Amino acid sequence: MSLLADASRRFNAELLNMVNKEVRVSVTNGSTYRGLLVGIDSSLNIILQDAVNEKNERFSRVLIMNHAIVDMVLIEEYVDLREFAKYIDKYFPGMVKYIEEANVVQVGNVKVTTAGVEGTGPLAKRVKELFDEFMSRRGR
């Protein structure tokens, strides 16, 4: 894979990880919007939900065309679950899979996202304990 193709794939993965997160967008007319990034297309047009501008005006949805975007900043702290995958691999050797494009960790039938642990049973319970421990250590 070429360096440019790898960089493009990484860009798209990072961009997709911003979906359903709070962002601040600056536009060419000097305005800024803060809201939940709920939509993005291949041209990089975006949709913000529950947006607020610099005048504190509220909008349920804002469509911002790509040519008007100056920058977009992630407001929520990004949690790279690659680190969590490395952390729990010592507890579940050979069972941990990190899916970079989605920033998801899979341990058997248990799925871990930044929102938490999805699954049931003893394995899910143990993974949740480790995830909570990992997140509390990050906050220090």
N, C-alpha and C. Protein backbone atom coordinates (compact mmCIF):
# COMPACT_ATOMS: atom_id res chain seq x y z
N MET A 1 0.85 -1.18 0.00
CA MET A 1 0.00 0.00 0.00
C MET A 1 0.90 1.24 0.00
N SER A 2 0.56 2.19 -0.84
CA SER A 2 1.39 3.40 -0.92
C SER A 2 1.19 4.27 0.32
N LEU A 3 2.15 5.13 0.56
CA LEU A 3 2.08 6.03 1.70
C LEU A 3 0.87 6.94 1.60
N LEU A 4 0.56 7.44 0.39
CA LEU A 4 -0.59 8.31 0.20
C LEU A 4 -1.90 7.56 0.44
N ALA A 5 -2.00 6.34 -0.04
CA ALA A 5 -3.21 5.54 0.17
C ALA A 5 -3.41 5.25 1.65
N ASP A 6 -2.31 4.96 2.35
CA ASP A 6 -2.38 4.69 3.78
C ASP A 6 -2.82 5.95 4.54
N ALA A 7 -2.27 7.10 4.15
CA ALA A 7 -2.65 8.36 4.79
C ALA A 7 -4.11 8.69 4.53
N SER A 8 -4.58 8.43 3.33
CA SER A 8 -5.99 8.68 2.98
C SER A 8 -6.91 7.77 3.79
N ARG A 9 -6.55 6.51 3.92
CA ARG A 9 -7.34 5.57 4.71
C ARG A 9 -7.39 6.03 6.17
N ARG A 10 -6.25 6.47 6.69
CA ARG A 10 -6.17 6.93 8.08
C ARG A 10 -7.03 8.20 8.27
N PHE A 11 -6.98 9.12 7.29
CA PHE A 11 -7.79 10.33 7.35
C PHE A 11 -9.27 9.97 7.45
N ASN A 12 -9.71 9.07 6.58
CA ASN A 12 -11.12 8.67 6.58
C ASN A 12 -11.52 8.00 7.90
N ALA A 13 -10.64 7.18 8.44
CA ALA A 13 -10.92 6.51 9.71
C ALA A 13 -11.05 7.54 10.84
N GLU A 14 -10.14 8.51 10.86
CA GLU A 14 -10.20 9.55 11.89
C GLU A 14 -11.47 10.39 11.76
N LEU A 15 -11.83 10.73 10.53
CA LEU A 15 -13.03 11.51 10.28
C LEU A 15 -14.27 10.75 10.73
N LEU A 16 -14.35 9.48 10.40
CA LEU A 16 -15.50 8.67 10.81
C LEU A 16 -15.59 8.54 12.33
N ASN A 17 -14.46 8.57 13.01
CA ASN A 17 -14.47 8.50 14.47
C ASN A 17 -15.03 9.78 15.10
N MET A 18 -15.15 10.86 14.31
CA MET A 18 -15.72 12.11 14.82
C MET A 18 -17.25 12.12 14.75
N VAL A 19 -17.82 11.21 13.96
CA VAL A 19 -19.28 11.15 13.83
C VAL A 19 -19.89 10.78 15.18
N ASN A 20 -20.98 11.44 15.50
CA ASN A 20 -21.70 11.28 16.78
C ASN A 20 -20.90 11.82 17.96
N LYS A 21 -20.00 12.74 17.67
CA LYS A 21 -19.24 13.44 18.71
C LYS A 21 -19.49 14.94 18.57
N GLU A 22 -19.27 15.67 19.64
CA GLU A 22 -19.45 17.12 19.59
C GLU A 22 -18.23 17.77 18.93
N VAL A 23 -18.51 18.66 17.97
CA VAL A 23 -17.45 19.36 17.25
C VAL A 23 -17.74 20.85 17.22
N ARG A 24 -16.68 21.62 16.96
CA ARG A 24 -16.82 23.06 16.70
C ARG A 24 -16.31 23.29 15.29
N VAL A 25 -17.14 23.97 14.48
CA VAL A 25 -16.80 24.20 13.08
C VAL A 25 -16.70 25.70 12.83
N SER A 26 -15.58 26.13 12.28
CA SER A 26 -15.42 27.53 11.85
C SER A 26 -15.69 27.57 10.37
N VAL A 27 -16.42 28.62 9.95
CA VAL A 27 -16.74 28.76 8.53
C VAL A 27 -16.14 30.05 7.98
N THR A 28 -16.13 30.16 6.65
CA THR A 28 -15.42 31.24 5.97
C THR A 28 -15.94 32.64 6.29
N ASN A 29 -17.20 32.77 6.71
CA ASN A 29 -17.72 34.11 7.02
C ASN A 29 -17.39 34.53 8.46
N GLY A 30 -16.61 33.71 9.17
CA GLY A 30 -16.19 34.05 10.53
C GLY A 30 -17.08 33.45 11.61
N SER A 31 -18.19 32.86 11.23
CA SER A 31 -19.08 32.23 12.21
C SER A 31 -18.50 30.91 12.70
N THR A 32 -18.97 30.49 13.87
CA THR A 32 -18.63 29.16 14.37
C THR A 32 -19.91 28.47 14.82
N TYR A 33 -19.91 27.17 14.70
CA TYR A 33 -21.03 26.35 15.14
C TYR A 33 -20.47 25.24 16.01
N ARG A 34 -21.23 24.92 17.04
CA ARG A 34 -20.86 23.81 17.92
C ARG A 34 -22.07 22.89 17.97
N GLY A 35 -21.84 21.61 17.72
CA GLY A 35 -22.95 20.66 17.72
C GLY A 35 -22.46 19.24 17.51
N LEU A 36 -23.42 18.34 17.44
CA LEU A 36 -23.13 16.93 17.26
C LEU A 36 -22.99 16.64 15.77
N LEU A 37 -21.85 16.12 15.36
CA LEU A 37 -21.63 15.77 13.95
C LEU A 37 -22.40 14.48 13.67
N VAL A 38 -23.49 14.60 12.89
CA VAL A 38 -24.33 13.43 12.63
C VAL A 38 -24.27 12.97 11.19
N GLY A 39 -23.71 13.79 10.31
CA GLY A 39 -23.66 13.38 8.91
C GLY A 39 -22.47 13.98 8.20
N ILE A 40 -21.92 13.19 7.29
CA ILE A 40 -20.81 13.66 6.46
C ILE A 40 -20.86 12.86 5.17
N ASP A 41 -20.63 13.52 4.04
CA ASP A 41 -20.65 12.79 2.78
C ASP A 41 -19.25 12.75 2.17
N SER A 42 -19.15 12.13 1.01
CA SER A 42 -17.83 11.94 0.39
C SER A 42 -17.20 13.25 -0.07
N SER A 43 -18.01 14.32 -0.19
CA SER A 43 -17.47 15.64 -0.54
C SER A 43 -17.07 16.45 0.69
N LEU A 44 -17.29 15.89 1.87
CA LEU A 44 -17.01 16.51 3.16
C LEU A 44 -17.99 17.62 3.52
N ASN A 45 -19.21 17.58 2.96
CA ASN A 45 -20.30 18.40 3.47
C ASN A 45 -20.71 17.75 4.79
N ILE A 46 -21.12 18.56 5.77
CA ILE A 46 -21.44 17.99 7.07
C ILE A 46 -22.80 18.47 7.58
N ILE A 47 -23.35 17.69 8.51
CA ILE A 47 -24.58 18.07 9.19
C ILE A 47 -24.32 18.02 10.69
N LEU A 48 -24.65 19.13 11.36
CA LEU A 48 -24.57 19.20 12.82
C LEU A 48 -25.99 19.17 13.38
N GLN A 49 -26.15 18.48 14.47
CA GLN A 49 -27.43 18.40 15.17
C GLN A 49 -27.32 19.18 16.47
N ASP A 50 -28.42 19.81 16.89
CA ASP A 50 -28.45 20.60 18.14
C ASP A 50 -27.28 21.58 18.18
N ALA A 51 -27.16 22.36 17.12
CA ALA A 51 -26.03 23.28 16.97
C ALA A 51 -26.32 24.63 17.61
N VAL A 52 -25.24 25.29 18.04
CA VAL A 52 -25.28 26.63 18.61
C VAL A 52 -24.20 27.44 17.91
N ASN A 53 -24.54 28.66 17.50
CA ASN A 53 -23.50 29.50 16.88
C ASN A 53 -22.90 30.44 17.92
N GLU A 54 -21.98 31.30 17.48
CA GLU A 54 -21.28 32.21 18.40
C GLU A 54 -22.21 33.24 19.02
N LYS A 55 -23.40 33.47 18.42
CA LYS A 55 -24.38 34.41 18.98
C LYS A 55 -25.35 33.70 19.93
N ASN A 56 -25.07 32.43 20.20
CA ASN A 56 -25.88 31.58 21.07
C ASN A 56 -27.26 31.28 20.46
N GLU A 57 -27.38 31.40 19.15
CA GLU A 57 -28.60 31.00 18.46
C GLU A 57 -28.57 29.48 18.31
N ARG A 58 -29.72 28.86 18.50
CA ARG A 58 -29.81 27.39 18.47
C ARG A 58 -30.49 26.92 17.20
N PHE A 59 -30.00 25.79 16.67
CA PHE A 59 -30.53 25.20 15.45
C PHE A 59 -30.64 23.70 15.64
N SER A 60 -31.76 23.11 15.23
CA SER A 60 -31.89 21.65 15.37
C SER A 60 -30.95 20.93 14.40
N ARG A 61 -30.78 21.48 13.19
CA ARG A 61 -29.86 20.90 12.20
C ARG A 61 -29.20 22.03 11.42
N VAL A 62 -27.92 21.87 11.13
CA VAL A 62 -27.19 22.82 10.30
C VAL A 62 -26.41 22.01 9.26
N LEU A 63 -26.63 22.34 7.99
CA LEU A 63 -25.86 21.75 6.91
C LEU A 63 -24.77 22.75 6.54
N ILE A 64 -23.53 22.31 6.58
CA ILE A 64 -22.42 23.19 6.22
C ILE A 64 -21.73 22.57 5.02
N MET A 65 -21.69 23.34 3.94
CA MET A 65 -21.08 22.86 2.70
C MET A 65 -19.55 22.87 2.85
N ASN A 66 -18.92 21.93 2.20
CA ASN A 66 -17.47 21.74 2.35
C ASN A 66 -16.65 22.99 2.03
N HIS A 67 -17.06 23.76 1.04
CA HIS A 67 -16.27 24.93 0.65
C HIS A 67 -16.31 26.04 1.70
N ALA A 68 -17.27 25.97 2.64
CA ALA A 68 -17.38 26.99 3.68
C ALA A 68 -16.62 26.62 4.96
N ILE A 69 -16.16 25.39 5.05
CA ILE A 69 -15.51 24.92 6.28
C ILE A 69 -14.05 25.38 6.31
N VAL A 70 -13.70 26.07 7.39
CA VAL A 70 -12.30 26.46 7.62
C VAL A 70 -11.62 25.38 8.44
N ASP A 71 -12.27 24.99 9.54
CA ASP A 71 -11.74 23.90 10.35
C ASP A 71 -12.86 23.26 11.14
N MET A 72 -12.59 22.05 11.62
CA MET A 72 -13.53 21.32 12.47
C MET A 72 -12.72 20.71 13.60
N VAL A 73 -13.12 21.01 14.83
CA VAL A 73 -12.37 20.58 16.01
C VAL A 73 -13.24 19.67 16.86
N LEU A 74 -12.70 18.54 17.25
CA LEU A 74 -13.40 17.62 18.14
C LEU A 74 -13.40 18.20 19.54
N ILE A 75 -14.59 18.36 20.11
CA ILE A 75 -14.73 18.91 21.46
C ILE A 75 -14.60 17.80 22.50
N GLU A 76 -15.26 16.69 22.24
CA GLU A 76 -15.19 15.56 23.17
C GLU A 76 -13.80 14.95 23.12
N GLU A 77 -13.36 14.46 24.24
CA GLU A 77 -12.07 13.80 24.28
C GLU A 77 -12.15 12.49 23.50
N TYR A 78 -11.21 12.29 22.62
CA TYR A 78 -11.18 11.08 21.81
C TYR A 78 -10.46 9.98 22.60
N VAL A 79 -11.07 8.83 22.67
CA VAL A 79 -10.46 7.68 23.33
C VAL A 79 -10.02 6.70 22.25
N ASP A 80 -8.72 6.51 22.11
CA ASP A 80 -8.19 5.56 21.14
C ASP A 80 -8.24 4.18 21.77
N LEU A 81 -9.17 3.36 21.33
CA LEU A 81 -9.34 2.05 21.93
C LEU A 81 -8.22 1.07 21.57
N ARG A 82 -7.32 1.48 20.69
CA ARG A 82 -6.13 0.66 20.40
C ARG A 82 -5.35 0.43 21.70
N GLU A 83 -5.27 1.48 22.53
CA GLU A 83 -4.57 1.35 23.81
C GLU A 83 -5.28 0.37 24.74
N PHE A 84 -6.61 0.41 24.73
CA PHE A 84 -7.37 -0.54 25.55
C PHE A 84 -7.14 -1.97 25.05
N ALA A 85 -7.09 -2.14 23.73
CA ALA A 85 -6.85 -3.48 23.17
C ALA A 85 -5.50 -4.02 23.65
N LYS A 86 -4.48 -3.18 23.66
CA LYS A 86 -3.16 -3.59 24.15
C LYS A 86 -3.24 -3.93 25.64
N TYR A 87 -4.01 -3.12 26.38
CA TYR A 87 -4.14 -3.29 27.82
C TYR A 87 -4.78 -4.64 28.18
N ILE A 88 -5.84 -5.02 27.47
CA ILE A 88 -6.54 -6.25 27.85
C ILE A 88 -5.98 -7.50 27.17
N ASP A 89 -5.09 -7.31 26.21
CA ASP A 89 -4.52 -8.48 25.54
C ASP A 89 -3.79 -9.39 26.52
N LYS A 90 -3.25 -8.83 27.58
CA LYS A 90 -2.55 -9.68 28.56
C LYS A 90 -3.53 -10.55 29.36
N TYR A 91 -4.79 -10.13 29.43
CA TYR A 91 -5.82 -10.91 30.13
C TYR A 91 -6.48 -11.93 29.21
N PHE A 92 -6.54 -11.60 27.91
CA PHE A 92 -7.19 -12.46 26.92
C PHE A 92 -6.27 -12.63 25.71
N PRO A 93 -5.10 -13.28 25.89
CA PRO A 93 -4.14 -13.38 24.78
C PRO A 93 -4.74 -14.10 23.58
N GLY A 94 -4.56 -13.48 22.42
CA GLY A 94 -5.05 -14.07 21.18
C GLY A 94 -6.53 -13.89 20.91
N MET A 95 -7.27 -13.33 21.86
CA MET A 95 -8.72 -13.15 21.69
C MET A 95 -9.10 -11.72 21.33
N VAL A 96 -8.17 -10.78 21.44
CA VAL A 96 -8.48 -9.36 21.29
C VAL A 96 -8.20 -8.91 19.86
N LYS A 97 -9.21 -8.26 19.28
CA LYS A 97 -9.06 -7.72 17.93
C LYS A 97 -9.44 -6.25 17.96
N TYR A 98 -8.55 -5.39 17.44
CA TYR A 98 -8.84 -3.96 17.33
C TYR A 98 -9.22 -3.65 15.89
N ILE A 99 -10.38 -3.01 15.70
CA ILE A 99 -10.86 -2.63 14.37
C ILE A 99 -10.69 -1.12 14.25
N GLU A 100 -9.61 -0.72 13.58
CA GLU A 100 -9.20 0.68 13.52
C GLU A 100 -10.25 1.59 12.89
N GLU A 101 -10.85 1.16 11.79
CA GLU A 101 -11.79 2.01 11.07
C GLU A 101 -12.97 2.43 11.94
N ALA A 102 -13.35 1.58 12.88
CA ALA A 102 -14.50 1.87 13.73
C ALA A 102 -14.08 2.24 15.16
N ASN A 103 -12.78 2.15 15.47
CA ASN A 103 -12.28 2.36 16.83
C ASN A 103 -13.05 1.47 17.81
N VAL A 104 -13.06 0.17 17.49
CA VAL A 104 -13.80 -0.83 18.25
C VAL A 104 -12.85 -1.96 18.63
N VAL A 105 -13.06 -2.50 19.83
CA VAL A 105 -12.32 -3.67 20.28
C VAL A 105 -13.31 -4.83 20.36
N GLN A 106 -12.92 -5.97 19.80
CA GLN A 106 -13.74 -7.17 19.85
C GLN A 106 -13.00 -8.22 20.67
N VAL A 107 -13.68 -8.76 21.67
CA VAL A 107 -13.13 -9.85 22.48
C VAL A 107 -14.17 -10.96 22.46
N GLY A 108 -13.93 -11.99 21.65
CA GLY A 108 -14.95 -13.02 21.47
C GLY A 108 -16.22 -12.37 20.92
N ASN A 109 -17.36 -12.58 21.62
CA ASN A 109 -18.62 -11.97 21.17
C ASN A 109 -18.90 -10.65 21.87
N VAL A 110 -17.92 -10.10 22.56
CA VAL A 110 -18.08 -8.84 23.30
C VAL A 110 -17.46 -7.70 22.48
N LYS A 111 -18.23 -6.64 22.34
CA LYS A 111 -17.79 -5.47 21.56
C LYS A 111 -17.59 -4.30 22.51
N VAL A 112 -16.47 -3.58 22.35
CA VAL A 112 -16.18 -2.42 23.18
C VAL A 112 -16.06 -1.20 22.28
N THR A 113 -16.88 -0.18 22.58
CA THR A 113 -16.81 1.10 21.89
C THR A 113 -16.54 2.17 22.94
N THR A 114 -16.36 3.41 22.51
CA THR A 114 -16.15 4.48 23.48
C THR A 114 -17.38 4.68 24.36
N ALA A 115 -18.53 4.18 23.91
CA ALA A 115 -19.76 4.29 24.71
C ALA A 115 -19.83 3.22 25.79
N GLY A 116 -19.02 2.17 25.67
CA GLY A 116 -19.04 1.14 26.69
C GLY A 116 -18.94 -0.26 26.11
N VAL A 117 -19.35 -1.25 26.91
CA VAL A 117 -19.21 -2.66 26.56
C VAL A 117 -20.57 -3.22 26.17
N GLU A 118 -20.60 -3.92 25.04
CA GLU A 118 -21.82 -4.55 24.56
C GLU A 118 -21.63 -6.06 24.60
N GLY A 119 -22.52 -6.74 25.31
CA GLY A 119 -22.44 -8.19 25.41
C GLY A 119 -22.95 -8.63 26.77
N THR A 120 -23.11 -9.94 26.93
CA THR A 120 -23.59 -10.49 28.19
C THR A 120 -22.72 -11.66 28.60
N GLY A 121 -22.88 -12.05 29.85
CA GLY A 121 -22.15 -13.20 30.34
C GLY A 121 -20.89 -12.83 31.09
N PRO A 122 -20.19 -13.84 31.59
CA PRO A 122 -18.98 -13.62 32.39
C PRO A 122 -17.88 -12.88 31.64
N LEU A 123 -17.71 -13.18 30.34
CA LEU A 123 -16.69 -12.50 29.56
C LEU A 123 -16.99 -11.00 29.47
N ALA A 124 -18.24 -10.66 29.18
CA ALA A 124 -18.63 -9.25 29.08
C ALA A 124 -18.44 -8.54 30.42
N LYS A 125 -18.77 -9.24 31.49
CA LYS A 125 -18.61 -8.65 32.83
C LYS A 125 -17.15 -8.34 33.11
N ARG A 126 -16.26 -9.28 32.79
CA ARG A 126 -14.82 -9.07 33.03
C ARG A 126 -14.26 -7.97 32.13
N VAL A 127 -14.68 -7.95 30.87
CA VAL A 127 -14.22 -6.90 29.96
C VAL A 127 -14.69 -5.54 30.44
N LYS A 128 -15.92 -5.47 30.95
CA LYS A 128 -16.44 -4.20 31.48
C LYS A 128 -15.62 -3.74 32.68
N GLU A 129 -15.28 -4.66 33.57
CA GLU A 129 -14.44 -4.30 34.73
C GLU A 129 -13.10 -3.72 34.26
N LEU A 130 -12.49 -4.37 33.27
CA LEU A 130 -11.20 -3.90 32.75
C LEU A 130 -11.34 -2.57 32.02
N PHE A 131 -12.46 -2.39 31.29
CA PHE A 131 -12.70 -1.13 30.58
C PHE A 131 -12.88 0.01 31.58
N ASP A 132 -13.65 -0.22 32.64
CA ASP A 132 -13.85 0.81 33.67
C ASP A 132 -12.52 1.17 34.33
N GLU A 133 -11.71 0.15 34.61
CA GLU A 133 -10.39 0.37 35.21
C GLU A 133 -9.50 1.19 34.26
N PHE A 134 -9.51 0.82 32.99
CA PHE A 134 -8.72 1.52 31.97
C PHE A 134 -9.15 2.99 31.88
N MET A 135 -10.45 3.23 31.82
CA MET A 135 -10.95 4.61 31.70
C MET A 135 -10.64 5.43 32.95
N SER A 136 -10.71 4.83 34.12
CA SER A 136 -10.41 5.59 35.35
C SER A 136 -8.92 5.91 35.42
N ARG A 137 -8.07 5.05 34.93
CA ARG A 137 -6.62 5.34 34.91
C ARG A 137 -6.28 6.45 33.93
N ARG A 138 -7.06 6.55 32.84
CA ARG A 138 -6.84 7.61 31.85
C ARG A 138 -7.14 8.98 32.46
N GLY A 139 -8.10 9.03 33.37
CA GLY A 139 -8.54 10.29 33.95
C GLY A 139 -7.58 10.89 34.96
N ARG A 140 -6.57 10.15 35.33
CA ARG A 140 -5.65 10.64 36.35
C ARG A 140 -4.77 11.74 35.85
